[in-house]
Amino acid sequence: MVGSANKPIPRTSLEPVCLALAAVIRERRRRAGWSLNQLAARTGLSRQMLSFVETERRVPTVDTVARISRAFELPLSQLFAAAERRLN
């Protein structure tokens, strides 16, 4: 379907770990004292994409999460582990 890639995925269809990952990314960014623009500069991603990820409007690709984890100087697995811990 043309144009469907631009529509947000309904929250009800997201895996719980995806929702938790969004919260972890937002929390880590705020803890670091960074704005979305600062995280965008550190990752090479757009501010809008990062905003969509943090507000659960987009599910990030592995590449996107890898860039974010590199900006936080964390192994990728730590971000996913933190998201999984939020589910328990």
PDB file of N, CA and C in Angstrom:
ATOM      1  N   MET A   1       0.845  -1.178   0.000  1.00  0.00           N
ATOM      2  CA  MET A   1       0.000   0.000   0.000  1.00  0.00           C
ATOM      3  C   MET A   1       0.887   1.237   0.000  1.00  0.00           C
ATOM      4  N   VAL A   2       0.742   2.091  -0.975  1.00  0.00           N
ATOM      5  CA  VAL A   2       1.551   3.293  -1.097  1.00  0.00           C
ATOM      6  C   VAL A   2       1.180   4.260   0.011  1.00  0.00           C
ATOM      7  N   GLY A   3       2.195   4.861   0.611  1.00  0.00           N
ATOM      8  CA  GLY A   3       1.974   5.842   1.660  1.00  0.00           C
ATOM      9  C   GLY A   3       1.812   5.257   3.051  1.00  0.00           C
ATOM     10  N   SER A   4       1.633   3.956   3.161  1.00  0.00           N
ATOM     11  CA  SER A   4       1.419   3.367   4.482  1.00  0.00           C
ATOM     12  C   SER A   4       2.673   3.434   5.347  1.00  0.00           C
ATOM     13  N   ALA A   5       3.857   3.573   4.724  1.00  0.00           N
ATOM     14  CA  ALA A   5       5.092   3.654   5.497  1.00  0.00           C
ATOM     15  C   ALA A   5       5.149   4.930   6.332  1.00  0.00           C
ATOM     16  N   ASN A   6       4.368   5.933   5.966  1.00  0.00           N
ATOM     17  CA  ASN A   6       4.388   7.203   6.692  1.00  0.00           C
ATOM     18  C   ASN A   6       3.406   7.239   7.853  1.00  0.00           C
ATOM     19  N   LYS A   7       2.569   6.222   7.955  1.00  0.00           N
ATOM     20  CA  LYS A   7       1.588   6.196   9.035  1.00  0.00           C
ATOM     21  C   LYS A   7       2.197   5.534  10.262  1.00  0.00           C
ATOM     22  N   PRO A   8       1.972   6.110  11.450  1.00  0.00           N
ATOM     23  CA  PRO A   8       2.464   5.469  12.677  1.00  0.00           C
ATOM     24  C   PRO A   8       1.836   4.097  12.870  1.00  0.00           C
ATOM     25  N   ILE A   9       2.572   3.210  13.480  1.00  0.00           N
ATOM     26  CA  ILE A   9       2.057   1.888  13.824  1.00  0.00           C
ATOM     27  C   ILE A   9       1.169   2.048  15.053  1.00  0.00           C
ATOM     28  N   PRO A  10      -0.044   1.491  15.019  1.00  0.00           N
ATOM     29  CA  PRO A  10      -0.905   1.612  16.207  1.00  0.00           C
ATOM     30  C   PRO A  10      -0.221   1.035  17.444  1.00  0.00           C
ATOM     31  N   ARG A  11      -0.337   1.729  18.556  1.00  0.00           N
ATOM     32  CA  ARG A  11       0.295   1.281  19.805  1.00  0.00           C
ATOM     33  C   ARG A  11      -0.077  -0.134  20.169  1.00  0.00           C
ATOM     34  N   THR A  12      -1.282  -0.522  19.861  1.00  0.00           N
ATOM     35  CA  THR A  12      -1.739  -1.850  20.248  1.00  0.00           C
ATOM     36  C   THR A  12      -1.003  -2.946  19.495  1.00  0.00           C
ATOM     37  N   SER A  13      -0.344  -2.606  18.384  1.00  0.00           N
ATOM     38  CA  SER A  13       0.352  -3.623  17.609  1.00  0.00           C
ATOM     39  C   SER A  13       1.835  -3.715  17.952  1.00  0.00           C
ATOM     40  N   LEU A  14       2.325  -2.825  18.787  1.00  0.00           N
ATOM     41  CA  LEU A  14       3.738  -2.849  19.137  1.00  0.00           C
ATOM     42  C   LEU A  14       4.036  -3.876  20.218  1.00  0.00           C
ATOM     43  N   GLU A  15       5.176  -4.493  20.085  1.00  0.00           N
ATOM     44  CA  GLU A  15       5.647  -5.397  21.132  1.00  0.00           C
ATOM     45  C   GLU A  15       5.916  -4.571  22.390  1.00  0.00           C
ATOM     46  N   PRO A  16       5.605  -5.080  23.549  1.00  0.00           N
ATOM     47  CA  PRO A  16       5.871  -4.338  24.788  1.00  0.00           C
ATOM     48  C   PRO A  16       7.329  -3.893  24.924  1.00  0.00           C
ATOM     49  N   VAL A  17       8.259  -4.706  24.444  1.00  0.00           N
ATOM     50  CA  VAL A  17       9.670  -4.325  24.560  1.00  0.00           C
ATOM     51  C   VAL A  17       9.971  -3.093  23.713  1.00  0.00           C
ATOM     52  N   CYS A  18       9.260  -2.892  22.606  1.00  0.00           N
ATOM     53  CA  CYS A  18       9.462  -1.697  21.780  1.00  0.00           C
ATOM     54  C   CYS A  18       9.016  -0.449  22.533  1.00  0.00           C
ATOM     55  N   LEU A  19       7.894  -0.562  23.219  1.00  0.00           N
ATOM     56  CA  LEU A  19       7.417   0.566  24.024  1.00  0.00           C
ATOM     57  C   LEU A  19       8.385   0.865  25.156  1.00  0.00           C
ATOM     58  N   ALA A  20       8.885  -0.176  25.779  1.00  0.00           N
ATOM     59  CA  ALA A  20       9.842   0.011  26.874  1.00  0.00           C
ATOM     60  C   ALA A  20      11.153   0.590  26.351  1.00  0.00           C
ATOM     61  N   LEU A  21      11.582   0.186  25.169  1.00  0.00           N
ATOM     62  CA  LEU A  21      12.821   0.712  24.591  1.00  0.00           C
ATOM     63  C   LEU A  21      12.714   2.213  24.350  1.00  0.00           C
ATOM     64  N   ALA A  22      11.565   2.665  23.895  1.00  0.00           N
ATOM     65  CA  ALA A  22      11.350   4.096  23.693  1.00  0.00           C
ATOM     66  C   ALA A  22      11.537   4.854  25.003  1.00  0.00           C
ATOM     67  N   ALA A  23      10.978   4.327  26.078  1.00  0.00           N
ATOM     68  CA  ALA A  23      11.099   4.968  27.389  1.00  0.00           C
ATOM     69  C   ALA A  23      12.544   4.958  27.875  1.00  0.00           C
ATOM     70  N   VAL A  24      13.257   3.873  27.637  1.00  0.00           N
ATOM     71  CA  VAL A  24      14.663   3.773  28.055  1.00  0.00           C
ATOM     72  C   VAL A  24      15.500   4.807  27.314  1.00  0.00           C
ATOM     73  N   ILE A  25      15.291   4.942  26.020  1.00  0.00           N
ATOM     74  CA  ILE A  25      16.057   5.903  25.230  1.00  0.00           C
ATOM     75  C   ILE A  25      15.785   7.321  25.726  1.00  0.00           C
ATOM     76  N   ARG A  26      14.525   7.658  25.924  1.00  0.00           N
ATOM     77  CA  ARG A  26      14.166   8.990  26.410  1.00  0.00           C
ATOM     78  C   ARG A  26      14.786   9.250  27.783  1.00  0.00           C
ATOM     79  N   GLU A  27      14.686   8.259  28.660  1.00  0.00           N
ATOM     80  CA  GLU A  27      15.231   8.389  30.014  1.00  0.00           C
ATOM     81  C   GLU A  27      16.749   8.571  29.986  1.00  0.00           C
ATOM     82  N   ARG A  28      17.442   7.785  29.186  1.00  0.00           N
ATOM     83  CA  ARG A  28      18.907   7.898  29.098  1.00  0.00           C
ATOM     84  C   ARG A  28      19.321   9.247  28.522  1.00  0.00           C
ATOM     85  N   ARG A  29      18.593   9.716  27.519  1.00  0.00           N
ATOM     86  CA  ARG A  29      18.913  11.018  26.927  1.00  0.00           C
ATOM     87  C   ARG A  29      18.747  12.125  27.961  1.00  0.00           C
ATOM     88  N   ARG A  30      17.657  12.080  28.678  1.00  0.00           N
ATOM     89  CA  ARG A  30      17.421  13.111  29.698  1.00  0.00           C
ATOM     90  C   ARG A  30      18.442  13.030  30.819  1.00  0.00           C
ATOM     91  N   ARG A  31      18.791  11.806  31.224  1.00  0.00           N
ATOM     92  CA  ARG A  31      19.798  11.622  32.270  1.00  0.00           C
ATOM     93  C   ARG A  31      21.146  12.189  31.838  1.00  0.00           C
ATOM     94  N   ALA A  32      21.450  12.072  30.546  1.00  0.00           N
ATOM     95  CA  ALA A  32      22.705  12.618  30.014  1.00  0.00           C
ATOM     96  C   ALA A  32      22.645  14.138  29.888  1.00  0.00           C
ATOM     97  N   GLY A  33      21.437  14.698  30.033  1.00  0.00           N
ATOM     98  CA  GLY A  33      21.271  16.145  29.934  1.00  0.00           C
ATOM     99  C   GLY A  33      21.283  16.639  28.493  1.00  0.00           C
ATOM    100  N   TRP A  34      20.928  15.745  27.555  1.00  0.00           N
ATOM    101  CA  TRP A  34      20.956  16.103  26.136  1.00  0.00           C
ATOM    102  C   TRP A  34      19.567  16.444  25.627  1.00  0.00           C
ATOM    103  N   SER A  35      19.514  17.394  24.726  1.00  0.00           N
ATOM    104  CA  SER A  35      18.285  17.675  23.993  1.00  0.00           C
ATOM    105  C   SER A  35      18.183  16.680  22.842  1.00  0.00           C
ATOM    106  N   LEU A  36      17.037  16.652  22.193  1.00  0.00           N
ATOM    107  CA  LEU A  36      16.908  15.801  21.010  1.00  0.00           C
ATOM    108  C   LEU A  36      17.893  16.235  19.926  1.00  0.00           C
ATOM    109  N   ASN A  37      18.115  17.542  19.819  1.00  0.00           N
ATOM    110  CA  ASN A  37      19.079  18.030  18.825  1.00  0.00           C
ATOM    111  C   ASN A  37      20.487  17.533  19.129  1.00  0.00           C
ATOM    112  N   GLN A  38      20.852  17.504  20.394  1.00  0.00           N
ATOM    113  CA  GLN A  38      22.182  17.020  20.765  1.00  0.00           C
ATOM    114  C   GLN A  38      22.323  15.527  20.469  1.00  0.00           C
ATOM    115  N   LEU A  39      21.294  14.741  20.780  1.00  0.00           N
ATOM    116  CA  LEU A  39      21.354  13.319  20.465  1.00  0.00           C
ATOM    117  C   LEU A  39      21.399  13.116  18.956  1.00  0.00           C
ATOM    118  N   ALA A  40      20.659  13.923  18.219  1.00  0.00           N
ATOM    119  CA  ALA A  40      20.678  13.833  16.751  1.00  0.00           C
ATOM    120  C   ALA A  40      22.084  14.082  16.221  1.00  0.00           C
ATOM    121  N   ALA A  41      22.762  15.078  16.749  1.00  0.00           N
ATOM    122  CA  ALA A  41      24.123  15.381  16.306  1.00  0.00           C
ATOM    123  C   ALA A  41      25.082  14.234  16.623  1.00  0.00           C
ATOM    124  N   ARG A  42      24.869  13.576  17.744  1.00  0.00           N
ATOM    125  CA  ARG A  42      25.749  12.478  18.158  1.00  0.00           C
ATOM    126  C   ARG A  42      25.482  11.178  17.392  1.00  0.00           C
ATOM    127  N   THR A  43      24.278  11.033  16.854  1.00  0.00           N
ATOM    128  CA  THR A  43      23.910   9.790  16.177  1.00  0.00           C
ATOM    129  C   THR A  43      23.899   9.890  14.655  1.00  0.00           C
ATOM    130  N   GLY A  44      23.804  11.109  14.149  1.00  0.00           N
ATOM    131  CA  GLY A  44      23.651  11.282  12.714  1.00  0.00           C
ATOM    132  C   GLY A  44      22.226  11.030  12.251  1.00  0.00           C
ATOM    133  N   LEU A  45      21.306  10.941  13.206  1.00  0.00           N
ATOM    134  CA  LEU A  45      19.882  10.755  12.905  1.00  0.00           C
ATOM    135  C   LEU A  45      19.183  12.100  13.013  1.00  0.00           C
ATOM    136  N   SER A  46      18.024  12.206  12.412  1.00  0.00           N
ATOM    137  CA  SER A  46      17.283  13.463  12.497  1.00  0.00           C
ATOM    138  C   SER A  46      16.617  13.601  13.866  1.00  0.00           C
ATOM    139  N   ARG A  47      16.422  14.840  14.273  1.00  0.00           N
ATOM    140  CA  ARG A  47      15.726  15.121  15.520  1.00  0.00           C
ATOM    141  C   ARG A  47      14.308  14.561  15.443  1.00  0.00           C
ATOM    142  N   GLN A  48      13.688  14.701  14.276  1.00  0.00           N
ATOM    143  CA  GLN A  48      12.325  14.206  14.103  1.00  0.00           C
ATOM    144  C   GLN A  48      12.260  12.694  14.276  1.00  0.00           C
ATOM    145  N   MET A  49      13.209  11.963  13.702  1.00  0.00           N
ATOM    146  CA  MET A  49      13.205  10.508  13.847  1.00  0.00           C
ATOM    147  C   MET A  49      13.350  10.126  15.318  1.00  0.00           C
ATOM    148  N   LEU A  50      14.260  10.779  16.017  1.00  0.00           N
ATOM    149  CA  LEU A  50      14.461  10.475  17.430  1.00  0.00           C
ATOM    150  C   LEU A  50      13.209  10.798  18.235  1.00  0.00           C
ATOM    151  N   SER A  51      12.542  11.888  17.889  1.00  0.00           N
ATOM    152  CA  SER A  51      11.296  12.238  18.562  1.00  0.00           C
ATOM    153  C   SER A  51      10.241  11.164  18.311  1.00  0.00           C
ATOM    154  N   PHE A  52      10.139  10.689  17.059  1.00  0.00           N
ATOM    155  CA  PHE A  52       9.189   9.633  16.735  1.00  0.00           C
ATOM    156  C   PHE A  52       9.489   8.358  17.523  1.00  0.00           C
ATOM    157  N   VAL A  53      10.761   8.041  17.673  1.00  0.00           N
ATOM    158  CA  VAL A  53      11.151   6.845  18.428  1.00  0.00           C
ATOM    159  C   VAL A  53      10.757   7.011  19.893  1.00  0.00           C
ATOM    160  N   GLU A  54      11.116   8.148  20.477  1.00  0.00           N
ATOM    161  CA  GLU A  54      10.835   8.363  21.904  1.00  0.00           C
ATOM    162  C   GLU A  54       9.348   8.437  22.220  1.00  0.00           C
ATOM    163  N   THR A  55       8.561   8.882  21.272  1.00  0.00           N
ATOM    164  CA  THR A  55       7.114   9.007  21.510  1.00  0.00           C
ATOM    165  C   THR A  55       6.338   7.812  20.956  1.00  0.00           C
ATOM    166  N   GLU A  56       7.079   6.761  20.596  1.00  0.00           N
ATOM    167  CA  GLU A  56       6.493   5.486  20.162  1.00  0.00           C
ATOM    168  C   GLU A  56       5.710   5.605  18.861  1.00  0.00           C
ATOM    169  N   ARG A  57       6.047   6.600  18.047  1.00  0.00           N
ATOM    170  CA  ARG A  57       5.383   6.756  16.756  1.00  0.00           C
ATOM    171  C   ARG A  57       6.099   5.977  15.662  1.00  0.00           C
ATOM    172  N   ARG A  58       7.330   5.563  15.942  1.00  0.00           N
ATOM    173  CA  ARG A  58       8.092   4.739  15.007  1.00  0.00           C
ATOM    174  C   ARG A  58       8.856   3.678  15.795  1.00  0.00           C
ATOM    175  N   VAL A  59       8.957   2.509  15.223  1.00  0.00           N
ATOM    176  CA  VAL A  59       9.780   1.448  15.804  1.00  0.00           C
ATOM    177  C   VAL A  59      11.166   1.595  15.188  1.00  0.00           C
ATOM    178  N   PRO A  60      12.184   1.786  16.005  1.00  0.00           N
ATOM    179  CA  PRO A  60      13.523   1.994  15.442  1.00  0.00           C
ATOM    180  C   PRO A  60      14.093   0.713  14.840  1.00  0.00           C
ATOM    181  N   THR A  61      14.874   0.885  13.799  1.00  0.00           N
ATOM    182  CA  THR A  61      15.590  -0.252  13.228  1.00  0.00           C
ATOM    183  C   THR A  61      16.757  -0.598  14.145  1.00  0.00           C
ATOM    184  N   VAL A  62      17.360  -1.737  13.913  1.00  0.00           N
ATOM    185  CA  VAL A  62      18.540  -2.115  14.694  1.00  0.00           C
ATOM    186  C   VAL A  62      19.649  -1.089  14.463  1.00  0.00           C
ATOM    187  N   ASP A  63      19.791  -0.601  13.230  1.00  0.00           N
ATOM    188  CA  ASP A  63      20.807   0.411  12.942  1.00  0.00           C
ATOM    189  C   ASP A  63      20.573   1.670  13.779  1.00  0.00           C
ATOM    190  N   THR A  64      19.327   2.093  13.875  1.00  0.00           N
ATOM    191  CA  THR A  64      18.996   3.283  14.668  1.00  0.00           C
ATOM    192  C   THR A  64      19.330   3.067  16.137  1.00  0.00           C
ATOM    193  N   VAL A  65      18.949   1.934  16.685  1.00  0.00           N
ATOM    194  CA  VAL A  65      19.244   1.645  18.094  1.00  0.00           C
ATOM    195  C   VAL A  65      20.758   1.524  18.303  1.00  0.00           C
ATOM    196  N   ALA A  66      21.457   0.958  17.340  1.00  0.00           N
ATOM    197  CA  ALA A  66      22.918   0.847  17.449  1.00  0.00           C
ATOM    198  C   ALA A  66      23.566   2.233  17.485  1.00  0.00           C
ATOM    199  N   ARG A  67      23.082   3.141  16.673  1.00  0.00           N
ATOM    200  CA  ARG A  67      23.623   4.509  16.682  1.00  0.00           C
ATOM    201  C   ARG A  67      23.348   5.195  18.022  1.00  0.00           C
ATOM    202  N   ILE A  68      22.160   4.979  18.534  1.00  0.00           N
ATOM    203  CA  ILE A  68      21.802   5.574  19.826  1.00  0.00           C
ATOM    204  C   ILE A  68      22.653   4.983  20.939  1.00  0.00           C
ATOM    205  N   SER A  69      22.827   3.675  20.943  1.00  0.00           N
ATOM    206  CA  SER A  69      23.639   3.048  21.997  1.00  0.00           C
ATOM    207  C   SER A  69      25.083   3.517  21.910  1.00  0.00           C
ATOM    208  N   ARG A  70      25.592   3.704  20.699  1.00  0.00           N
ATOM    209  CA  ARG A  70      26.961   4.203  20.531  1.00  0.00           C
ATOM    210  C   ARG A  70      27.081   5.628  21.104  1.00  0.00           C
ATOM    211  N   ALA A  71      26.060   6.449  20.876  1.00  0.00           N
ATOM    212  CA  ALA A  71      26.068   7.813  21.418  1.00  0.00           C
ATOM    213  C   ALA A  71      26.103   7.799  22.942  1.00  0.00           C
ATOM    214  N   PHE A  72      25.402   6.842  23.543  1.00  0.00           N
ATOM    215  CA  PHE A  72      25.392   6.709  24.998  1.00  0.00           C
ATOM    216  C   PHE A  72      26.615   5.958  25.520  1.00  0.00           C
ATOM    217  N   GLU A  73      27.440   5.472  24.598  1.00  0.00           N
ATOM    218  CA  GLU A  73      28.625   4.679  24.933  1.00  0.00           C
ATOM    219  C   GLU A  73      28.238   3.430  25.723  1.00  0.00           C
ATOM    220  N   LEU A  74      27.188   2.768  25.221  1.00  0.00           N
ATOM    221  CA  LEU A  74      26.684   1.537  25.832  1.00  0.00           C
ATOM    222  C   LEU A  74      26.641   0.444  24.770  1.00  0.00           C
ATOM    223  N   PRO A  75      26.857  -0.802  25.170  1.00  0.00           N
ATOM    224  CA  PRO A  75      26.618  -1.892  24.231  1.00  0.00           C
ATOM    225  C   PRO A  75      25.128  -1.931  23.878  1.00  0.00           C
ATOM    226  N   LEU A  76      24.842  -2.284  22.661  1.00  0.00           N
ATOM    227  CA  LEU A  76      23.461  -2.401  22.193  1.00  0.00           C
ATOM    228  C   LEU A  76      22.641  -3.292  23.119  1.00  0.00           C
ATOM    229  N   SER A  77      23.257  -4.357  23.568  1.00  0.00           N
ATOM    230  CA  SER A  77      22.546  -5.311  24.432  1.00  0.00           C
ATOM    231  C   SER A  77      22.081  -4.666  25.740  1.00  0.00           C
ATOM    232  N   GLN A  78      22.806  -3.659  26.218  1.00  0.00           N
ATOM    233  CA  GLN A  78      22.401  -3.008  27.476  1.00  0.00           C
ATOM    234  C   GLN A  78      21.107  -2.222  27.318  1.00  0.00           C
ATOM    235  N   LEU A  79      20.915  -1.592  26.155  1.00  0.00           N
ATOM    236  CA  LEU A  79      19.652  -0.873  25.944  1.00  0.00           C
ATOM    237  C   LEU A  79      18.483  -1.845  25.913  1.00  0.00           C
ATOM    238  N   PHE A  80      18.656  -2.953  25.199  1.00  0.00           N
ATOM    239  CA  PHE A  80      17.588  -3.948  25.145  1.00  0.00           C
ATOM    240  C   PHE A  80      17.353  -4.582  26.513  1.00  0.00           C
ATOM    241  N   ALA A  81      18.413  -4.844  27.256  1.00  0.00           N
ATOM    242  CA  ALA A  81      18.267  -5.424  28.596  1.00  0.00           C
ATOM    243  C   ALA A  81      17.511  -4.467  29.515  1.00  0.00           C
ATOM    244  N   ALA A  82      17.823  -3.172  29.412  1.00  0.00           N
ATOM    245  CA  ALA A  82      17.121  -2.184  30.235  1.00  0.00           C
ATOM    246  C   ALA A  82      15.639  -2.147  29.870  1.00  0.00           C
ATOM    247  N   ALA A  83      15.333  -2.281  28.589  1.00  0.00           N
ATOM    248  CA  ALA A  83      13.928  -2.305  28.161  1.00  0.00           C
ATOM    249  C   ALA A  83      13.231  -3.552  28.691  1.00  0.00           C
ATOM    250  N   GLU A  84      13.898  -4.680  28.631  1.00  0.00           N
ATOM    251  CA  GLU A  84      13.293  -5.921  29.133  1.00  0.00           C
ATOM    252  C   GLU A  84      13.075  -5.853  30.641  1.00  0.00           C
ATOM    253  N   ARG A  85      14.000  -5.232  31.369  1.00  0.00           N
ATOM    254  CA  ARG A  85      13.830  -5.104  32.829  1.00  0.00           C
ATOM    255  C   ARG A  85      12.587  -4.268  33.148  1.00  0.00           C
ATOM    256  N   ARG A  86      12.274  -3.295  32.327  1.00  0.00           N
ATOM    257  CA  ARG A  86      11.090  -2.470  32.569  1.00  0.00           C
ATOM    258  C   ARG A  86       9.801  -3.283  32.475  1.00  0.00           C
ATOM    259  N   LEU A  87       9.863  -4.406  31.772  1.00  0.00           N
ATOM    260  CA  LEU A  87       8.672  -5.235  31.584  1.00  0.00           C
ATOM    261  C   LEU A  87       8.398  -6.140  32.781  1.00  0.00           C
ATOM    262  N   ASN A  88       9.397  -6.342  33.599  1.00  0.00           N
ATOM    263  CA  ASN A  88       9.245  -7.266  34.747  1.00  0.00           C
ATOM    264  C   ASN A  88       8.798  -6.565  35.986  1.00  0.00           C
TER     265      ASN A  88
END
